[in-house]
């Protein structure tokens, strides 16, 4: 399984700039993880734990 790639500093800056321009409340933790693709990491960890 390929390792997830951490976003670059510029990607984080761009994301934060878009968030500030949108004038909406911050996304939930679940939404942030989904946007970053980290939910897949959690799923793979849970699957690995079940296999043990």
C-alpha atoms as a PDB file:
ATOM      1  CA  UNK A   1       0.000   0.000   0.000  1.00  0.00           C
ATOM      2  CA  UNK A   2       1.493   3.379  -0.945  1.00  0.00           C
ATOM      3  CA  UNK A   3       2.361   5.705   1.900  1.00  0.00           C
ATOM      4  CA  UNK A   4       0.296   8.904   2.106  1.00  0.00           C
ATOM      5  CA  UNK A   5       2.057  12.055   1.020  1.00  0.00           C
ATOM      6  CA  UNK A   6       2.167  14.963   3.409  1.00  0.00           C
ATOM      7  CA  UNK A   7       0.997  18.194   1.772  1.00  0.00           C
ATOM      8  CA  UNK A   8       3.647  20.763   0.974  1.00  0.00           C
ATOM      9  CA  UNK A   9       3.825  24.017   2.890  1.00  0.00           C
ATOM     10  CA  UNK A  10       2.538  25.842  -0.171  1.00  0.00           C
ATOM     11  CA  UNK A  11      -0.457  23.502  -0.451  1.00  0.00           C
ATOM     12  CA  UNK A  12      -1.273  24.167   3.204  1.00  0.00           C
ATOM     13  CA  UNK A  13      -0.929  27.931   2.655  1.00  0.00           C
ATOM     14  CA  UNK A  14      -3.219  27.760  -0.385  1.00  0.00           C
ATOM     15  CA  UNK A  15      -5.759  25.723   1.565  1.00  0.00           C
ATOM     16  CA  UNK A  16      -5.701  28.146   4.494  1.00  0.00           C
ATOM     17  CA  UNK A  17      -6.062  31.126   2.161  1.00  0.00           C
ATOM     18  CA  UNK A  18      -9.124  29.571   0.523  1.00  0.00           C
ATOM     19  CA  UNK A  19     -10.587  28.806   3.948  1.00  0.00           C
ATOM     20  CA  UNK A  20     -10.167  32.408   5.072  1.00  0.00           C
ATOM     21  CA  UNK A  21     -11.742  33.741   1.882  1.00  0.00           C
ATOM     22  CA  UNK A  22     -14.779  31.501   2.241  1.00  0.00           C
ATOM     23  CA  UNK A  23     -15.832  33.138   5.540  1.00  0.00           C
ATOM     24  CA  UNK A  24     -17.333  29.887   6.813  1.00  0.00           C
ATOM     25  CA  UNK A  25     -16.787  28.185  10.151  1.00  0.00           C
ATOM     26  CA  UNK A  26     -13.856  25.776  10.232  1.00  0.00           C
ATOM     27  CA  UNK A  27     -14.560  22.263   9.023  1.00  0.00           C
ATOM     28  CA  UNK A  28     -15.005  19.446  11.498  1.00  0.00           C
ATOM     29  CA  UNK A  29     -12.104  17.158  12.347  1.00  0.00           C
ATOM     30  CA  UNK A  30     -13.728  14.405  10.313  1.00  0.00           C
ATOM     31  CA  UNK A  31     -14.000  16.665   7.253  1.00  0.00           C
ATOM     32  CA  UNK A  32     -10.372  17.762   7.568  1.00  0.00           C
ATOM     33  CA  UNK A  33      -9.179  14.157   7.725  1.00  0.00           C
ATOM     34  CA  UNK A  34     -11.328  13.277   4.715  1.00  0.00           C
ATOM     35  CA  UNK A  35      -9.999  16.220   2.689  1.00  0.00           C
ATOM     36  CA  UNK A  36      -6.423  15.228   3.458  1.00  0.00           C
ATOM     37  CA  UNK A  37      -7.091  11.577   2.673  1.00  0.00           C
ATOM     38  CA  UNK A  38      -6.115  10.522   6.179  1.00  0.00           C
ATOM     39  CA  UNK A  39      -9.335   8.582   6.666  1.00  0.00           C
ATOM     40  CA  UNK A  40      -7.745   5.911   4.505  1.00  0.00           C
ATOM     41  CA  UNK A  41      -4.868   5.654   6.968  1.00  0.00           C
ATOM     42  CA  UNK A  42      -7.284   5.128   9.839  1.00  0.00           C
ATOM     43  CA  UNK A  43      -9.123   2.444   7.897  1.00  0.00           C
ATOM     44  CA  UNK A  44      -5.908   0.604   7.074  1.00  0.00           C
ATOM     45  CA  UNK A  45      -4.819   0.761  10.729  1.00  0.00           C
ATOM     46  CA  UNK A  46      -8.134  -0.694  11.860  1.00  0.00           C
ATOM     47  CA  UNK A  47      -7.907  -3.457   9.277  1.00  0.00           C
ATOM     48  CA  UNK A  48      -4.358  -4.278  10.350  1.00  0.00           C
ATOM     49  CA  UNK A  49      -5.427  -4.387  13.992  1.00  0.00           C
ATOM     50  CA  UNK A  50      -8.260  -6.811  13.155  1.00  0.00           C
ATOM     51  CA  UNK A  51      -5.842  -9.122  11.345  1.00  0.00           C
ATOM     52  CA  UNK A  52      -3.613  -9.461  14.413  1.00  0.00           C
END
